Amino acid sequence: MASAAATDSGVEQDKVLETIRGTKDALTVRRVFGDAYQLDGVTLIPVARVAGGAGGGGGQGEEPDDEGGRSVGSGYGTGFGMGVSPLGVYEVRGSTVTWKPAMDINRTVKGGQVLSGIIAVC
């Protein structure tokens, strides 16, 4: 017969695996290429950069408590992160497809700040 700690451990491991499976499902091509839409006879297909990951932990064991006795340890935890940034759109006009990059104003501002810092130091 399995102990309560071993049973809890199996449940926690299942939760870790479920989180990792959820990450796999979240990081699909549908996140990179958005739904196409029509605007004044032109089809626009949004494109983004998607990155992410998941991880899990574990635990188990016994640690002495403050009174010298033994207490049963346990653990487990999961984490998930995902980042999305726009890259641009494909513009389909008749039989012509063109790429229209998105301007990342934050990246431009940071680049200007770095350049200013370099100039100030030199």
PDB file of N, CA and C in Angstrom:
ATOM      1  N   MET A   1       0.847  -1.183   0.000  1.00  0.00           N
ATOM      2  CA  MET A   1       0.000   0.000   0.000  1.00  0.00           C
ATOM      3  C   MET A   1       0.889   1.242   0.000  1.00  0.00           C
ATOM      4  N   ALA A   2       0.549   2.240  -0.821  1.00  0.00           N
ATOM      5  CA  ALA A   2       1.353   3.454  -0.954  1.00  0.00           C
ATOM      6  C   ALA A   2       1.102   4.375   0.227  1.00  0.00           C
ATOM      7  N   SER A   3       2.163   5.040   0.655  1.00  0.00           N
ATOM      8  CA  SER A   3       2.013   5.987   1.758  1.00  0.00           C
ATOM      9  C   SER A   3       1.351   7.260   1.248  1.00  0.00           C
ATOM     10  N   ALA A   4       0.857   8.068   2.187  1.00  0.00           N
ATOM     11  CA  ALA A   4       0.208   9.333   1.819  1.00  0.00           C
ATOM     12  C   ALA A   4       1.195  10.259   1.133  1.00  0.00           C
ATOM     13  N   ALA A   5       2.455  10.269   1.587  1.00  0.00           N
ATOM     14  CA  ALA A   5       3.474  11.140   0.979  1.00  0.00           C
ATOM     15  C   ALA A   5       3.735  10.723  -0.464  1.00  0.00           C
ATOM     16  N   ALA A   6       3.807   9.429  -0.728  1.00  0.00           N
ATOM     17  CA  ALA A   6       4.042   8.954  -2.093  1.00  0.00           C
ATOM     18  C   ALA A   6       2.861   9.295  -2.989  1.00  0.00           C
ATOM     19  N   THR A   7       1.646   9.197  -2.467  1.00  0.00           N
ATOM     20  CA  THR A   7       0.454   9.535  -3.243  1.00  0.00           C
ATOM     21  C   THR A   7       0.438  11.022  -3.563  1.00  0.00           C
ATOM     22  N   ASP A   8       0.738  11.867  -2.563  1.00  0.00           N
ATOM     23  CA  ASP A   8       0.794  13.310  -2.789  1.00  0.00           C
ATOM     24  C   ASP A   8       1.863  13.647  -3.815  1.00  0.00           C
ATOM     25  N   SER A   9       2.991  12.937  -3.741  1.00  0.00           N
ATOM     26  CA  SER A   9       4.091  13.153  -4.669  1.00  0.00           C
ATOM     27  C   SER A   9       3.639  12.888  -6.108  1.00  0.00           C
ATOM     28  N   GLY A  10       2.888  11.827  -6.329  1.00  0.00           N
ATOM     29  CA  GLY A  10       2.389  11.502  -7.667  1.00  0.00           C
ATOM     30  C   GLY A  10       1.444  12.565  -8.190  1.00  0.00           C
ATOM     31  N   VAL A  11       0.589  13.103  -7.321  1.00  0.00           N
ATOM     32  CA  VAL A  11      -0.348  14.156  -7.703  1.00  0.00           C
ATOM     33  C   VAL A  11       0.421  15.416  -8.088  1.00  0.00           C
ATOM     34  N   GLU A  12       1.438  15.758  -7.293  1.00  0.00           N
ATOM     35  CA  GLU A  12       2.243  16.951  -7.566  1.00  0.00           C
ATOM     36  C   GLU A  12       3.021  16.796  -8.864  1.00  0.00           C
ATOM     37  N   GLN A  13       3.552  15.611  -9.124  1.00  0.00           N
ATOM     38  CA  GLN A  13       4.266  15.374 -10.375  1.00  0.00           C
ATOM     39  C   GLN A  13       3.330  15.538 -11.561  1.00  0.00           C
ATOM     40  N   ASP A  14       2.098  15.074 -11.425  1.00  0.00           N
ATOM     41  CA  ASP A  14       1.110  15.238 -12.488  1.00  0.00           C
ATOM     42  C   ASP A  14       0.836  16.712 -12.752  1.00  0.00           C
ATOM     43  N   LYS A  15       0.801  17.524 -11.696  1.00  0.00           N
ATOM     44  CA  LYS A  15       0.581  18.965 -11.864  1.00  0.00           C
ATOM     45  C   LYS A  15       1.738  19.610 -12.614  1.00  0.00           C
ATOM     46  N   VAL A  16       2.976  19.195 -12.316  1.00  0.00           N
ATOM     47  CA  VAL A  16       4.154  19.719 -13.015  1.00  0.00           C
ATOM     48  C   VAL A  16       4.062  19.374 -14.498  1.00  0.00           C
ATOM     49  N   LEU A  17       3.768  18.113 -14.788  1.00  0.00           N
ATOM     50  CA  LEU A  17       3.666  17.687 -16.181  1.00  0.00           C
ATOM     51  C   LEU A  17       2.529  18.396 -16.907  1.00  0.00           C
ATOM     52  N   GLU A  18       1.435  18.651 -16.224  1.00  0.00           N
ATOM     53  CA  GLU A  18       0.305  19.368 -16.824  1.00  0.00           C
ATOM     54  C   GLU A  18       0.711  20.789 -17.203  1.00  0.00           C
ATOM     55  N   THR A  19       1.474  21.456 -16.354  1.00  0.00           N
ATOM     56  CA  THR A  19       1.949  22.807 -16.655  1.00  0.00           C
ATOM     57  C   THR A  19       2.863  22.800 -17.874  1.00  0.00           C
ATOM     58  N   ILE A  20       3.740  21.827 -17.944  1.00  0.00           N
ATOM     59  CA  ILE A  20       4.658  21.744 -19.085  1.00  0.00           C
ATOM     60  C   ILE A  20       3.884  21.461 -20.367  1.00  0.00           C
ATOM     61  N   ARG A  21       2.893  20.614 -20.303  1.00  0.00           N
ATOM     62  CA  ARG A  21       2.052  20.358 -21.489  1.00  0.00           C
ATOM     63  C   ARG A  21       1.307  21.626 -21.904  1.00  0.00           C
ATOM     64  N   GLY A  22       0.847  22.393 -20.930  1.00  0.00           N
ATOM     65  CA  GLY A  22       0.162  23.648 -21.228  1.00  0.00           C
ATOM     66  C   GLY A  22       1.076  24.631 -21.937  1.00  0.00           C
ATOM     67  N   THR A  23       2.345  24.645 -21.573  1.00  0.00           N
ATOM     68  CA  THR A  23       3.321  25.506 -22.237  1.00  0.00           C
ATOM     69  C   THR A  23       3.457  25.110 -23.694  1.00  0.00           C
ATOM     70  N   LYS A  24       3.563  23.835 -23.935  1.00  0.00           N
ATOM     71  CA  LYS A  24       3.682  23.334 -25.307  1.00  0.00           C
ATOM     72  C   LYS A  24       2.474  23.769 -26.136  1.00  0.00           C
ATOM     73  N   ASP A  25       1.295  23.670 -25.555  1.00  0.00           N
ATOM     74  CA  ASP A  25       0.082  24.072 -26.265  1.00  0.00           C
ATOM     75  C   ASP A  25       0.033  25.585 -26.500  1.00  0.00           C
ATOM     76  N   ALA A  26       0.570  26.359 -25.569  1.00  0.00           N
ATOM     77  CA  ALA A  26       0.532  27.823 -25.694  1.00  0.00           C
ATOM     78  C   ALA A  26       1.511  28.335 -26.740  1.00  0.00           C
ATOM     79  N   LEU A  27       2.615  27.630 -26.938  1.00  0.00           N
ATOM     80  CA  LEU A  27       3.651  28.077 -27.875  1.00  0.00           C
ATOM     81  C   LEU A  27       3.448  27.416 -29.232  1.00  0.00           C
ATOM     82  N   THR A  28       2.394  27.817 -29.920  1.00  0.00           N
ATOM     83  CA  THR A  28       2.076  27.256 -31.222  1.00  0.00           C
ATOM     84  C   THR A  28       2.230  28.308 -32.302  1.00  0.00           C
ATOM     85  N   VAL A  29       2.209  27.862 -33.541  1.00  0.00           N
ATOM     86  CA  VAL A  29       2.317  28.778 -34.678  1.00  0.00           C
ATOM     87  C   VAL A  29       1.166  29.783 -34.699  1.00  0.00           C
ATOM     88  N   ARG A  30       0.033  29.449 -34.091  1.00  0.00           N
ATOM     89  CA  ARG A  30      -1.111  30.380 -34.046  1.00  0.00           C
ATOM     90  C   ARG A  30      -0.763  31.635 -33.239  1.00  0.00           C
ATOM     91  N   ARG A  31       0.212  31.547 -32.347  1.00  0.00           N
ATOM     92  CA  ARG A  31       0.646  32.723 -31.584  1.00  0.00           C
ATOM     93  C   ARG A  31       1.577  33.596 -32.426  1.00  0.00           C
ATOM     94  N   VAL A  32       2.313  32.988 -33.355  1.00  0.00           N
ATOM     95  CA  VAL A  32       3.257  33.725 -34.191  1.00  0.00           C
ATOM     96  C   VAL A  32       2.532  34.439 -35.323  1.00  0.00           C
ATOM     97  N   PHE A  33       1.679  33.721 -36.031  1.00  0.00           N
ATOM     98  CA  PHE A  33       0.892  34.301 -37.116  1.00  0.00           C
ATOM     99  C   PHE A  33      -0.534  34.494 -36.622  1.00  0.00           C
ATOM    100  N   GLY A  34      -0.950  35.735 -36.515  1.00  0.00           N
ATOM    101  CA  GLY A  34      -2.302  36.033 -36.060  1.00  0.00           C
ATOM    102  C   GLY A  34      -3.318  35.757 -37.152  1.00  0.00           C
ATOM    103  N   ASP A  35      -4.578  35.880 -36.808  1.00  0.00           N
ATOM    104  CA  ASP A  35      -5.646  35.687 -37.779  1.00  0.00           C
ATOM    105  C   ASP A  35      -5.581  36.786 -38.827  1.00  0.00           C
ATOM    106  N   ALA A  36      -5.672  36.379 -40.092  1.00  0.00           N
ATOM    107  CA  ALA A  36      -5.674  37.344 -41.193  1.00  0.00           C
ATOM    108  C   ALA A  36      -6.982  38.133 -41.171  1.00  0.00           C
ATOM    109  N   TYR A  37      -6.905  39.388 -41.552  1.00  0.00           N
ATOM    110  CA  TYR A  37      -8.127  40.185 -41.662  1.00  0.00           C
ATOM    111  C   TYR A  37      -8.043  41.093 -42.869  1.00  0.00           C
ATOM    112  N   GLN A  38      -9.206  41.484 -43.358  1.00  0.00           N
ATOM    113  CA  GLN A  38      -9.333  42.308 -44.557  1.00  0.00           C
ATOM    114  C   GLN A  38      -9.536  43.762 -44.163  1.00  0.00           C
ATOM    115  N   LEU A  39      -8.873  44.656 -44.903  1.00  0.00           N
ATOM    116  CA  LEU A  39      -9.034  46.084 -44.677  1.00  0.00           C
ATOM    117  C   LEU A  39      -8.918  46.775 -46.029  1.00  0.00           C
ATOM    118  N   ASP A  40     -10.020  47.323 -46.520  1.00  0.00           N
ATOM    119  CA  ASP A  40     -10.061  48.005 -47.817  1.00  0.00           C
ATOM    120  C   ASP A  40      -9.502  47.151 -48.951  1.00  0.00           C
ATOM    121  N   GLY A  41      -9.881  45.882 -48.996  1.00  0.00           N
ATOM    122  CA  GLY A  41      -9.456  44.979 -50.067  1.00  0.00           C
ATOM    123  C   GLY A  41      -8.048  44.430 -49.908  1.00  0.00           C
ATOM    124  N   VAL A  42      -7.387  44.741 -48.807  1.00  0.00           N
ATOM    125  CA  VAL A  42      -6.028  44.255 -48.540  1.00  0.00           C
ATOM    126  C   VAL A  42      -6.107  43.275 -47.362  1.00  0.00           C
ATOM    127  N   THR A  43      -5.431  42.136 -47.510  1.00  0.00           N
ATOM    128  CA  THR A  43      -5.381  41.162 -46.422  1.00  0.00           C
ATOM    129  C   THR A  43      -4.123  41.415 -45.596  1.00  0.00           C
ATOM    130  N   LEU A  44      -4.289  41.519 -44.285  1.00  0.00           N
ATOM    131  CA  LEU A  44      -3.180  41.730 -43.366  1.00  0.00           C
ATOM    132  C   LEU A  44      -3.027  40.507 -42.468  1.00  0.00           C
ATOM    133  N   ILE A  45      -1.789  40.028 -42.352  1.00  0.00           N
ATOM    134  CA  ILE A  45      -1.498  38.880 -41.492  1.00  0.00           C
ATOM    135  C   ILE A  45      -0.457  39.324 -40.462  1.00  0.00           C
ATOM    136  N   PRO A  46      -0.860  39.519 -39.191  1.00  0.00           N
ATOM    137  CA  PRO A  46       0.092  39.952 -38.175  1.00  0.00           C
ATOM    138  C   PRO A  46       1.074  38.835 -37.799  1.00  0.00           C
ATOM    139  N   VAL A  47       2.317  39.245 -37.507  1.00  0.00           N
ATOM    140  CA  VAL A  47       3.377  38.305 -37.153  1.00  0.00           C
ATOM    141  C   VAL A  47       4.036  38.797 -35.866  1.00  0.00           C
ATOM    142  N   ALA A  48       4.333  37.864 -34.964  1.00  0.00           N
ATOM    143  CA  ALA A  48       4.962  38.216 -33.695  1.00  0.00           C
ATOM    144  C   ALA A  48       6.061  37.218 -33.363  1.00  0.00           C
ATOM    145  N   ARG A  49       6.970  37.639 -32.503  1.00  0.00           N
ATOM    146  CA  ARG A  49       7.994  36.743 -31.958  1.00  0.00           C
ATOM    147  C   ARG A  49       7.452  36.215 -30.633  1.00  0.00           C
ATOM    148  N   VAL A  50       7.484  34.894 -30.482  1.00  0.00           N
ATOM    149  CA  VAL A  50       6.959  34.269 -29.276  1.00  0.00           C
ATOM    150  C   VAL A  50       8.063  33.420 -28.651  1.00  0.00           C
ATOM    151  N   ALA A  51       8.265  33.589 -27.356  1.00  0.00           N
ATOM    152  CA  ALA A  51       9.244  32.784 -26.635  1.00  0.00           C
ATOM    153  C   ALA A  51       8.672  32.438 -25.268  1.00  0.00           C
ATOM    154  N   GLY A  52       8.993  31.275 -24.791  1.00  0.00           N
ATOM    155  CA  GLY A  52       8.483  30.897 -23.483  1.00  0.00           C
ATOM    156  C   GLY A  52       9.068  29.589 -23.018  1.00  0.00           C
ATOM    157  N   GLY A  53       8.675  29.223 -21.841  1.00  0.00           N
ATOM    158  CA  GLY A  53       9.143  27.971 -21.283  1.00  0.00           C
ATOM    159  C   GLY A  53       8.453  27.670 -19.972  1.00  0.00           C
ATOM    160  N   ALA A  54       8.676  26.463 -19.520  1.00  0.00           N
ATOM    161  CA  ALA A  54       8.086  26.028 -18.254  1.00  0.00           C
ATOM    162  C   ALA A  54       9.081  25.142 -17.536  1.00  0.00           C
ATOM    163  N   GLY A  55       8.898  25.023 -16.276  1.00  0.00           N
ATOM    164  CA  GLY A  55       9.761  24.158 -15.487  1.00  0.00           C
ATOM    165  C   GLY A  55       9.041  23.707 -14.243  1.00  0.00           C
ATOM    166  N   GLY A  56       9.589  22.724 -13.635  1.00  0.00           N
ATOM    167  CA  GLY A  56       8.981  22.205 -12.426  1.00  0.00           C
ATOM    168  C   GLY A  56      10.060  21.772 -11.453  1.00  0.00           C
ATOM    169  N   GLY A  57       9.654  21.570 -10.272  1.00  0.00           N
ATOM    170  CA  GLY A  57      10.586  21.169  -9.223  1.00  0.00           C
ATOM    171  C   GLY A  57      10.080  19.949  -8.512  1.00  0.00           C
ATOM    172  N   GLY A  58      10.719  19.630  -7.461  1.00  0.00           N
ATOM    173  CA  GLY A  58      10.319  18.450  -6.713  1.00  0.00           C
ATOM    174  C   GLY A  58      10.803  18.533  -5.288  1.00  0.00           C
ATOM    175  N   GLY A  59      10.705  17.460  -4.637  1.00  0.00           N
ATOM    176  CA  GLY A  59      11.141  17.402  -3.265  1.00  0.00           C
ATOM    177  C   GLY A  59      10.666  16.126  -2.627  1.00  0.00           C
ATOM    178  N   GLN A  60      11.049  15.915  -1.449  1.00  0.00           N
ATOM    179  CA  GLN A  60      10.629  14.783  -0.659  1.00  0.00           C
ATOM    180  C   GLN A  60      11.750  14.489   0.305  1.00  0.00           C
ATOM    181  N   GLY A  61      11.471  13.878   1.378  1.00  0.00           N
ATOM    182  CA  GLY A  61      12.504  13.530   2.323  1.00  0.00           C
ATOM    183  C   GLY A  61      12.106  13.921   3.724  1.00  0.00           C
ATOM    184  N   GLU A  62      13.052  13.728   4.621  1.00  0.00           N
ATOM    185  CA  GLU A  62      12.792  14.031   6.018  1.00  0.00           C
ATOM    186  C   GLU A  62      13.845  14.994   6.524  1.00  0.00           C
ATOM    187  N   GLU A  63      13.420  15.946   7.277  1.00  0.00           N
ATOM    188  CA  GLU A  63      14.307  16.904   7.917  1.00  0.00           C
ATOM    189  C   GLU A  63      14.050  16.854   9.414  1.00  0.00           C
ATOM    190  N   PRO A  64      15.093  16.963  10.228  1.00  0.00           N
ATOM    191  CA  PRO A  64      14.853  16.999  11.673  1.00  0.00           C
ATOM    192  C   PRO A  64      14.132  18.291  12.058  1.00  0.00           C
ATOM    193  N   ASP A  65      13.173  18.187  12.934  1.00  0.00           N
ATOM    194  CA  ASP A  65      12.510  19.398  13.410  1.00  0.00           C
ATOM    195  C   ASP A  65      13.302  19.990  14.573  1.00  0.00           C
ATOM    196  N   ASP A  66      12.846  21.117  15.107  1.00  0.00           N
ATOM    197  CA  ASP A  66      13.570  21.823  16.173  1.00  0.00           C
ATOM    198  C   ASP A  66      13.705  20.997  17.453  1.00  0.00           C
ATOM    199  N   GLU A  67      12.842  20.038  17.659  1.00  0.00           N
ATOM    200  CA  GLU A  67      12.856  19.266  18.895  1.00  0.00           C
ATOM    201  C   GLU A  67      13.586  17.942  18.731  1.00  0.00           C
ATOM    202  N   GLY A  68      14.279  17.755  17.608  1.00  0.00           N
ATOM    203  CA  GLY A  68      15.039  16.529  17.411  1.00  0.00           C
ATOM    204  C   GLY A  68      14.237  15.400  16.798  1.00  0.00           C
ATOM    205  N   GLY A  69      12.950  15.577  16.637  1.00  0.00           N
ATOM    206  CA  GLY A  69      12.117  14.558  16.003  1.00  0.00           C
ATOM    207  C   GLY A  69      12.238  14.645  14.492  1.00  0.00           C
ATOM    208  N   ARG A  70      11.543  13.766  13.795  1.00  0.00           N
ATOM    209  CA  ARG A  70      11.572  13.773  12.333  1.00  0.00           C
ATOM    210  C   ARG A  70      10.245  14.290  11.794  1.00  0.00           C
ATOM    211  N   SER A  71      10.336  15.133  10.794  1.00  0.00           N
ATOM    212  CA  SER A  71       9.120  15.576  10.125  1.00  0.00           C
ATOM    213  C   SER A  71       9.226  15.173   8.658  1.00  0.00           C
ATOM    214  N   VAL A  72       8.120  14.858   8.059  1.00  0.00           N
ATOM    215  CA  VAL A  72       8.105  14.418   6.670  1.00  0.00           C
ATOM    216  C   VAL A  72       8.179  15.645   5.775  1.00  0.00           C
ATOM    217  N   GLY A  73       9.091  15.636   4.823  1.00  0.00           N
ATOM    218  CA  GLY A  73       9.218  16.736   3.876  1.00  0.00           C
ATOM    219  C   GLY A  73       8.396  16.474   2.629  1.00  0.00           C
ATOM    220  N   SER A  74       8.172  17.480   1.887  1.00  0.00           N
ATOM    221  CA  SER A  74       7.508  17.357   0.591  1.00  0.00           C
ATOM    222  C   SER A  74       7.869  18.582  -0.219  1.00  0.00           C
ATOM    223  N   GLY A  75       7.329  18.710  -1.390  1.00  0.00           N
ATOM    224  CA  GLY A  75       7.683  19.847  -2.216  1.00  0.00           C
ATOM    225  C   GLY A  75       6.895  19.894  -3.505  1.00  0.00           C
ATOM    226  N   TYR A  76       7.488  20.358  -4.545  1.00  0.00           N
ATOM    227  CA  TYR A  76       6.997  20.508  -5.904  1.00  0.00           C
ATOM    228  C   TYR A  76       6.519  21.929  -6.166  1.00  0.00           C
ATOM    229  N   GLY A  77       6.763  22.337  -7.362  1.00  0.00           N
ATOM    230  CA  GLY A  77       6.335  23.642  -7.810  1.00  0.00           C
ATOM    231  C   GLY A  77       6.496  23.734  -9.321  1.00  0.00           C
ATOM    232  N   THR A  78       5.770  24.622  -9.920  1.00  0.00           N
ATOM    233  CA  THR A  78       5.876  24.810 -11.364  1.00  0.00           C
ATOM    234  C   THR A  78       5.949  26.288 -11.683  1.00  0.00           C
ATOM    235  N   GLY A  79       6.442  26.572 -12.856  1.00  0.00           N
ATOM    236  CA  GLY A  79       6.489  27.946 -13.314  1.00  0.00           C
ATOM    237  C   GLY A  79       6.320  27.992 -14.825  1.00  0.00           C
ATOM    238  N   PHE A  80       5.835  29.101 -15.319  1.00  0.00           N
ATOM    239  CA  PHE A  80       5.569  29.248 -16.744  1.00  0.00           C
ATOM    240  C   PHE A  80       5.786  30.703 -17.110  1.00  0.00           C
ATOM    241  N   GLY A  81       6.436  30.935 -18.220  1.00  0.00           N
ATOM    242  CA  GLY A  81       6.623  32.301 -18.688  1.00  0.00           C
ATOM    243  C   GLY A  81       6.516  32.356 -20.197  1.00  0.00           C
ATOM    244  N   MET A  82       6.026  33.468 -20.685  1.00  0.00           N
ATOM    245  CA  MET A  82       5.865  33.626 -22.126  1.00  0.00           C
ATOM    246  C   MET A  82       5.980  35.092 -22.471  1.00  0.00           C
ATOM    247  N   GLY A  83       6.673  35.390 -23.549  1.00  0.00           N
ATOM    248  CA  GLY A  83       6.791  36.765 -24.008  1.00  0.00           C
ATOM    249  C   GLY A  83       6.440  36.852 -25.479  1.00  0.00           C
ATOM    250  N   VAL A  84       5.736  37.890 -25.845  1.00  0.00           N
ATOM    251  CA  VAL A  84       5.331  38.096 -27.237  1.00  0.00           C
ATOM    252  C   VAL A  84       5.663  39.529 -27.614  1.00  0.00           C
ATOM    253  N   SER A  85       6.308  39.707 -28.775  1.00  0.00           N
ATOM    254  CA  SER A  85       6.553  41.059 -29.265  1.00  0.00           C
ATOM    255  C   SER A  85       6.211  41.116 -30.747  1.00  0.00           C
ATOM    256  N   PRO A  86       5.550  42.192 -31.180  1.00  0.00           N
ATOM    257  CA  PRO A  86       5.140  42.301 -32.582  1.00  0.00           C
ATOM    258  C   PRO A  86       6.346  42.482 -33.496  1.00  0.00           C
ATOM    259  N   LEU A  87       6.310  41.821 -34.653  1.00  0.00           N
ATOM    260  CA  LEU A  87       7.364  41.982 -35.650  1.00  0.00           C
ATOM    261  C   LEU A  87       6.890  42.797 -36.845  1.00  0.00           C
ATOM    262  N   GLY A  88       5.626  42.632 -37.222  1.00  0.00           N
ATOM    263  CA  GLY A  88       5.093  43.350 -38.374  1.00  0.00           C
ATOM    264  C   GLY A  88       3.896  42.629 -38.947  1.00  0.00           C
ATOM    265  N   VAL A  89       3.581  42.952 -40.198  1.00  0.00           N
ATOM    266  CA  VAL A  89       2.462  42.303 -40.882  1.00  0.00           C
ATOM    267  C   VAL A  89       2.867  41.967 -42.313  1.00  0.00           C
ATOM    268  N   TYR A  90       2.290  40.883 -42.816  1.00  0.00           N
ATOM    269  CA  TYR A  90       2.344  40.613 -44.241  1.00  0.00           C
ATOM    270  C   TYR A  90       1.130  41.282 -44.846  1.00  0.00           C
ATOM    271  N   GLU A  91       1.358  42.029 -45.903  1.00  0.00           N
ATOM    272  CA  GLU A  91       0.272  42.717 -46.608  1.00  0.00           C
ATOM    273  C   GLU A  91       0.089  42.019 -47.948  1.00  0.00           C
ATOM    274  N   VAL A  92      -1.107  41.479 -48.164  1.00  0.00           N
ATOM    275  CA  VAL A  92      -1.422  40.777 -49.409  1.00  0.00           C
ATOM    276  C   VAL A  92      -2.376  41.664 -50.200  1.00  0.00           C
ATOM    277  N   ARG A  93      -1.882  42.154 -51.323  1.00  0.00           N
ATOM    278  CA  ARG A  93      -2.654  43.048 -52.200  1.00  0.00           C
ATOM    279  C   ARG A  93      -2.683  42.389 -53.576  1.00  0.00           C
ATOM    280  N   GLY A  94      -3.827  41.754 -53.922  1.00  0.00           N
ATOM    281  CA  GLY A  94      -3.906  40.993 -55.172  1.00  0.00           C
ATOM    282  C   GLY A  94      -2.981  39.794 -55.090  1.00  0.00           C
ATOM    283  N   SER A  95      -2.015  39.705 -56.012  1.00  0.00           N
ATOM    284  CA  SER A  95      -1.058  38.598 -55.994  1.00  0.00           C
ATOM    285  C   SER A  95       0.308  39.041 -55.458  1.00  0.00           C
ATOM    286  N   THR A  96       0.373  40.231 -54.873  1.00  0.00           N
ATOM    287  CA  THR A  96       1.630  40.763 -54.333  1.00  0.00           C
ATOM    288  C   THR A  96       1.614  40.702 -52.805  1.00  0.00           C
ATOM    289  N   VAL A  97       2.693  40.146 -52.251  1.00  0.00           N
ATOM    290  CA  VAL A  97       2.836  40.071 -50.795  1.00  0.00           C
ATOM    291  C   VAL A  97       4.043  40.922 -50.398  1.00  0.00           C
ATOM    292  N   THR A  98       3.828  41.827 -49.456  1.00  0.00           N
ATOM    293  CA  THR A  98       4.940  42.649 -48.962  1.00  0.00           C
ATOM    294  C   THR A  98       5.006  42.551 -47.444  1.00  0.00           C
ATOM    295  N   TRP A  99       6.214  42.730 -46.926  1.00  0.00           N
ATOM    296  CA  TRP A  99       6.452  42.688 -45.481  1.00  0.00           C
ATOM    297  C   TRP A  99       6.522  44.112 -44.963  1.00  0.00           C
ATOM    298  N   LYS A 100       5.749  44.412 -43.936  1.00  0.00           N
ATOM    299  CA  LYS A 100       5.729  45.728 -43.292  1.00  0.00           C
ATOM    300  C   LYS A 100       6.182  45.535 -41.843  1.00  0.00           C
ATOM    301  N   PRO A 101       7.461  45.837 -41.537  1.00  0.00           N
ATOM    302  CA  PRO A 101       7.935  45.626 -40.169  1.00  0.00           C
ATOM    303  C   PRO A 101       7.307  46.600 -39.182  1.00  0.00           C
ATOM    304  N   ALA A 102       7.110  46.123 -37.965  1.00  0.00           N
ATOM    305  CA  ALA A 102       6.610  46.980 -36.886  1.00  0.00           C
ATOM    306  C   ALA A 102       7.807  47.696 -36.274  1.00  0.00           C
ATOM    307  N   MET A 103       7.600  48.934 -35.866  1.00  0.00           N
ATOM    308  CA  MET A 103       8.670  49.668 -35.201  1.00  0.00           C
ATOM    309  C   MET A 103       8.491  49.496 -33.702  1.00  0.00           C
ATOM    310  N   ASP A 104       9.528  48.989 -33.063  1.00  0.00           N
ATOM    311  CA  ASP A 104       9.503  48.805 -31.610  1.00  0.00           C
ATOM    312  C   ASP A 104      10.085  50.061 -30.975  1.00  0.00           C
ATOM    313  N   ILE A 105       9.224  50.967 -30.556  1.00  0.00           N
ATOM    314  CA  ILE A 105       9.667  52.254 -30.021  1.00  0.00           C
ATOM    315  C   ILE A 105      10.508  52.084 -28.763  1.00  0.00           C
ATOM    316  N   ASN A 106      10.197  51.094 -27.941  1.00  0.00           N
ATOM    317  CA  ASN A 106      10.985  50.844 -26.727  1.00  0.00           C
ATOM    318  C   ASN A 106      12.423  50.473 -27.069  1.00  0.00           C
ATOM    319  N   ARG A 107      12.573  49.627 -28.065  1.00  0.00           N
ATOM    320  CA  ARG A 107      13.915  49.215 -28.493  1.00  0.00           C
ATOM    321  C   ARG A 107      14.674  50.411 -29.069  1.00  0.00           C
ATOM    322  N   THR A 108      13.988  51.251 -29.823  1.00  0.00           N
ATOM    323  CA  THR A 108      14.609  52.437 -30.402  1.00  0.00           C
ATOM    324  C   THR A 108      15.078  53.394 -29.310  1.00  0.00           C
ATOM    325  N   VAL A 109      14.233  53.613 -28.306  1.00  0.00           N
ATOM    326  CA  VAL A 109      14.588  54.512 -27.200  1.00  0.00           C
ATOM    327  C   VAL A 109      15.777  53.949 -26.422  1.00  0.00           C
ATOM    328  N   LYS A 110      15.751  52.650 -26.121  1.00  0.00           N
ATOM    329  CA  LYS A 110      16.867  52.029 -25.397  1.00  0.00           C
ATOM    330  C   LYS A 110      18.160  52.138 -26.194  1.00  0.00           C
ATOM    331  N   GLY A 111      18.084  51.924 -27.497  1.00  0.00           N
ATOM    332  CA  GLY A 111      19.260  52.042 -28.353  1.00  0.00           C
ATOM    333  C   GLY A 111      19.831  53.452 -28.316  1.00  0.00           C
ATOM    334  N   GLY A 112      18.940  54.448 -28.328  1.00  0.00           N
ATOM    335  CA  GLY A 112      19.378  55.838 -28.238  1.00  0.00           C
ATOM    336  C   GLY A 112      20.041  56.136 -26.905  1.00  0.00           C
ATOM    337  N   GLN A 113      19.514  55.564 -25.843  1.00  0.00           N
ATOM    338  CA  GLN A 113      20.094  55.770 -24.518  1.00  0.00           C
ATOM    339  C   GLN A 113      21.488  55.140 -24.433  1.00  0.00           C
ATOM    340  N   VAL A 114      21.646  53.957 -24.980  1.00  0.00           N
ATOM    341  CA  VAL A 114      22.947  53.296 -24.978  1.00  0.00           C
ATOM    342  C   VAL A 114      23.943  54.115 -25.787  1.00  0.00           C
ATOM    343  N   LEU A 115      23.527  54.568 -26.963  1.00  0.00           N
ATOM    344  CA  LEU A 115      24.402  55.373 -27.798  1.00  0.00           C
ATOM    345  C   LEU A 115      24.795  56.667 -27.090  1.00  0.00           C
ATOM    346  N   SER A 116      23.859  57.318 -26.438  1.00  0.00           N
ATOM    347  CA  SER A 116      24.154  58.557 -25.678  1.00  0.00           C
ATOM    348  C   SER A 116      25.158  58.283 -24.570  1.00  0.00           C
ATOM    349  N   GLY A 117      25.004  57.171 -23.893  1.00  0.00           N
ATOM    350  CA  GLY A 117      25.923  56.798 -22.822  1.00  0.00           C
ATOM    351  C   GLY A 117      27.327  56.562 -23.344  1.00  0.00           C
ATOM    352  N   ILE A 118      27.432  55.909 -24.489  1.00  0.00           N
ATOM    353  CA  ILE A 118      28.747  55.653 -25.090  1.00  0.00           C
ATOM    354  C   ILE A 118      29.407  56.983 -25.484  1.00  0.00           C
ATOM    355  N   ILE A 119      28.636  57.856 -26.099  1.00  0.00           N
ATOM    356  CA  ILE A 119      29.170  59.164 -26.504  1.00  0.00           C
ATOM    357  C   ILE A 119      29.615  59.967 -25.287  1.00  0.00           C
ATOM    358  N   ALA A 120      28.836  59.926 -24.207  1.00  0.00           N
ATOM    359  CA  ALA A 120      29.177  60.683 -22.999  1.00  0.00           C
ATOM    360  C   ALA A 120      30.461  60.173 -22.357  1.00  0.00           C
ATOM    361  N   VAL A 121      30.711  58.850 -22.416  1.00  0.00           N
ATOM    362  CA  VAL A 121      31.903  58.270 -21.815  1.00  0.00           C
ATOM    363  C   VAL A 121      33.142  58.577 -22.659  1.00  0.00           C
ATOM    364  N   CYS A 122      32.978  58.573 -23.960  1.00  0.00           N
ATOM    365  CA  CYS A 122      34.126  58.843 -24.842  1.00  0.00           C
ATOM    366  C   CYS A 122      34.414  60.295 -24.818  1.00  0.00           C
TER     367      CYS A 122
END
